[in-house]
């Protein structure tokens, strides 16, 4: 009645329990539960696209940060700023 897959098992279990309690209380109403699987198909290249996208983002970030620190140091040098 229930496969080991938790996405199918929980709705079936809730359906059985709900209908059992309704029968115990002499109700004529019944629950019907539909369970559709999540889309589990995955593109074989999806992980590769994500990896290269994040790698590109990190490389751009890494290329942009050192000039910020350098400019800050140059500005401190010009105004003779010192840290305590």
Protein backbone atom coordinates (compact mmCIF):
# COMPACT_ATOMS: atom_id res chain seq x y z
CA UNK A 1 0.00 0.00 0.00
CA UNK A 2 2.92 2.32 0.65
CA UNK A 3 6.25 2.35 -1.09
CA UNK A 4 9.44 3.15 0.84
CA UNK A 5 9.60 6.51 -0.90
CA UNK A 6 8.61 9.13 1.74
CA UNK A 7 6.95 11.45 -0.78
CA UNK A 8 4.33 8.79 -1.46
CA UNK A 9 4.13 7.22 1.97
CA UNK A 10 3.11 10.26 4.03
CA UNK A 11 -0.01 11.22 2.01
CA UNK A 12 -1.15 7.59 1.94
CA UNK A 13 -0.63 7.28 5.69
CA UNK A 14 -2.55 10.49 6.37
CA UNK A 15 -5.37 9.28 4.13
CA UNK A 16 -5.62 5.97 5.99
CA UNK A 17 -5.51 7.58 9.42
CA UNK A 18 -8.00 10.32 8.56
CA UNK A 19 -10.50 7.90 7.08
CA UNK A 20 -10.09 5.56 10.06
CA UNK A 21 -10.88 8.36 12.50
CA UNK A 22 -13.85 9.43 10.41
CA UNK A 23 -15.22 5.88 10.49
CA UNK A 24 -14.72 5.72 14.26
CA UNK A 25 -16.90 8.79 14.68
CA UNK A 26 -19.60 7.43 12.31
CA UNK A 27 -19.04 10.07 9.69
CA UNK A 28 -20.04 9.55 6.08
CA UNK A 29 -17.36 11.92 4.76
CA UNK A 30 -14.13 10.53 3.36
CA UNK A 31 -10.78 12.01 2.48
CA UNK A 32 -9.14 11.35 -0.83
CA UNK A 33 -5.49 12.17 -1.23
CA UNK A 34 -3.59 12.44 -4.47
CA UNK A 35 0.13 12.28 -4.46
CA UNK A 36 2.21 13.38 -7.40
CA UNK A 37 5.92 12.80 -7.39
CA UNK A 38 8.31 15.67 -7.53
CA UNK A 39 10.13 16.08 -10.78
CA UNK A 40 13.27 14.09 -10.16
CA UNK A 41 14.65 14.24 -13.66
CA UNK A 42 17.89 16.14 -13.61
CA UNK A 43 19.87 17.44 -16.50
CA UNK A 44 23.26 15.71 -16.54
CA UNK A 45 24.93 19.07 -17.15
CA UNK A 46 23.05 20.97 -14.42
CA UNK A 47 25.75 20.53 -11.77
CA UNK A 48 28.39 21.53 -14.29
CA UNK A 49 26.47 24.74 -15.18
CA UNK A 50 26.07 25.63 -11.52
CA UNK A 51 29.74 24.95 -10.80
CA UNK A 52 31.02 27.08 -13.67
CA UNK A 53 28.55 29.86 -12.90
CA UNK A 54 29.69 30.05 -9.28
CA UNK A 55 33.33 29.78 -10.32
CA UNK A 56 32.93 32.70 -12.72
CA UNK A 57 31.21 34.76 -10.02
CA UNK A 58 33.99 34.05 -7.53
CA UNK A 59 36.71 34.89 -10.04
CA UNK A 60 35.09 38.23 -10.83
CA UNK A 61 34.71 38.91 -7.12
CA UNK A 62 38.31 37.93 -6.43
CA UNK A 63 39.53 40.15 -9.25
CA UNK A 64 37.58 43.14 -7.93
CA UNK A 65 38.50 43.03 -4.24
CA UNK A 66 42.30 43.60 -4.25
CA UNK A 67 42.02 47.00 -5.99
CA UNK A 68 39.69 48.13 -3.21
CA UNK A 69 42.28 47.34 -0.57
CA UNK A 70 45.04 48.91 -2.64
CA UNK A 71 43.07 52.13 -3.14
CA UNK A 72 42.38 52.32 0.56
CA UNK A 73 46.11 51.99 1.34
CA UNK A 74 47.06 54.60 -1.27
CA UNK A 75 44.51 57.03 0.13
CA UNK A 76 45.86 56.51 3.66
CA UNK A 77 49.38 57.13 2.37
CA UNK A 78 48.36 60.39 0.68
CA UNK A 79 46.70 61.84 3.78
CA UNK A 80 49.34 60.38 6.10
CA UNK A 81 46.69 58.44 7.97
CA UNK A 82 47.86 56.02 10.64
CA UNK A 83 45.99 53.39 12.55
CA UNK A 84 46.33 53.32 16.33
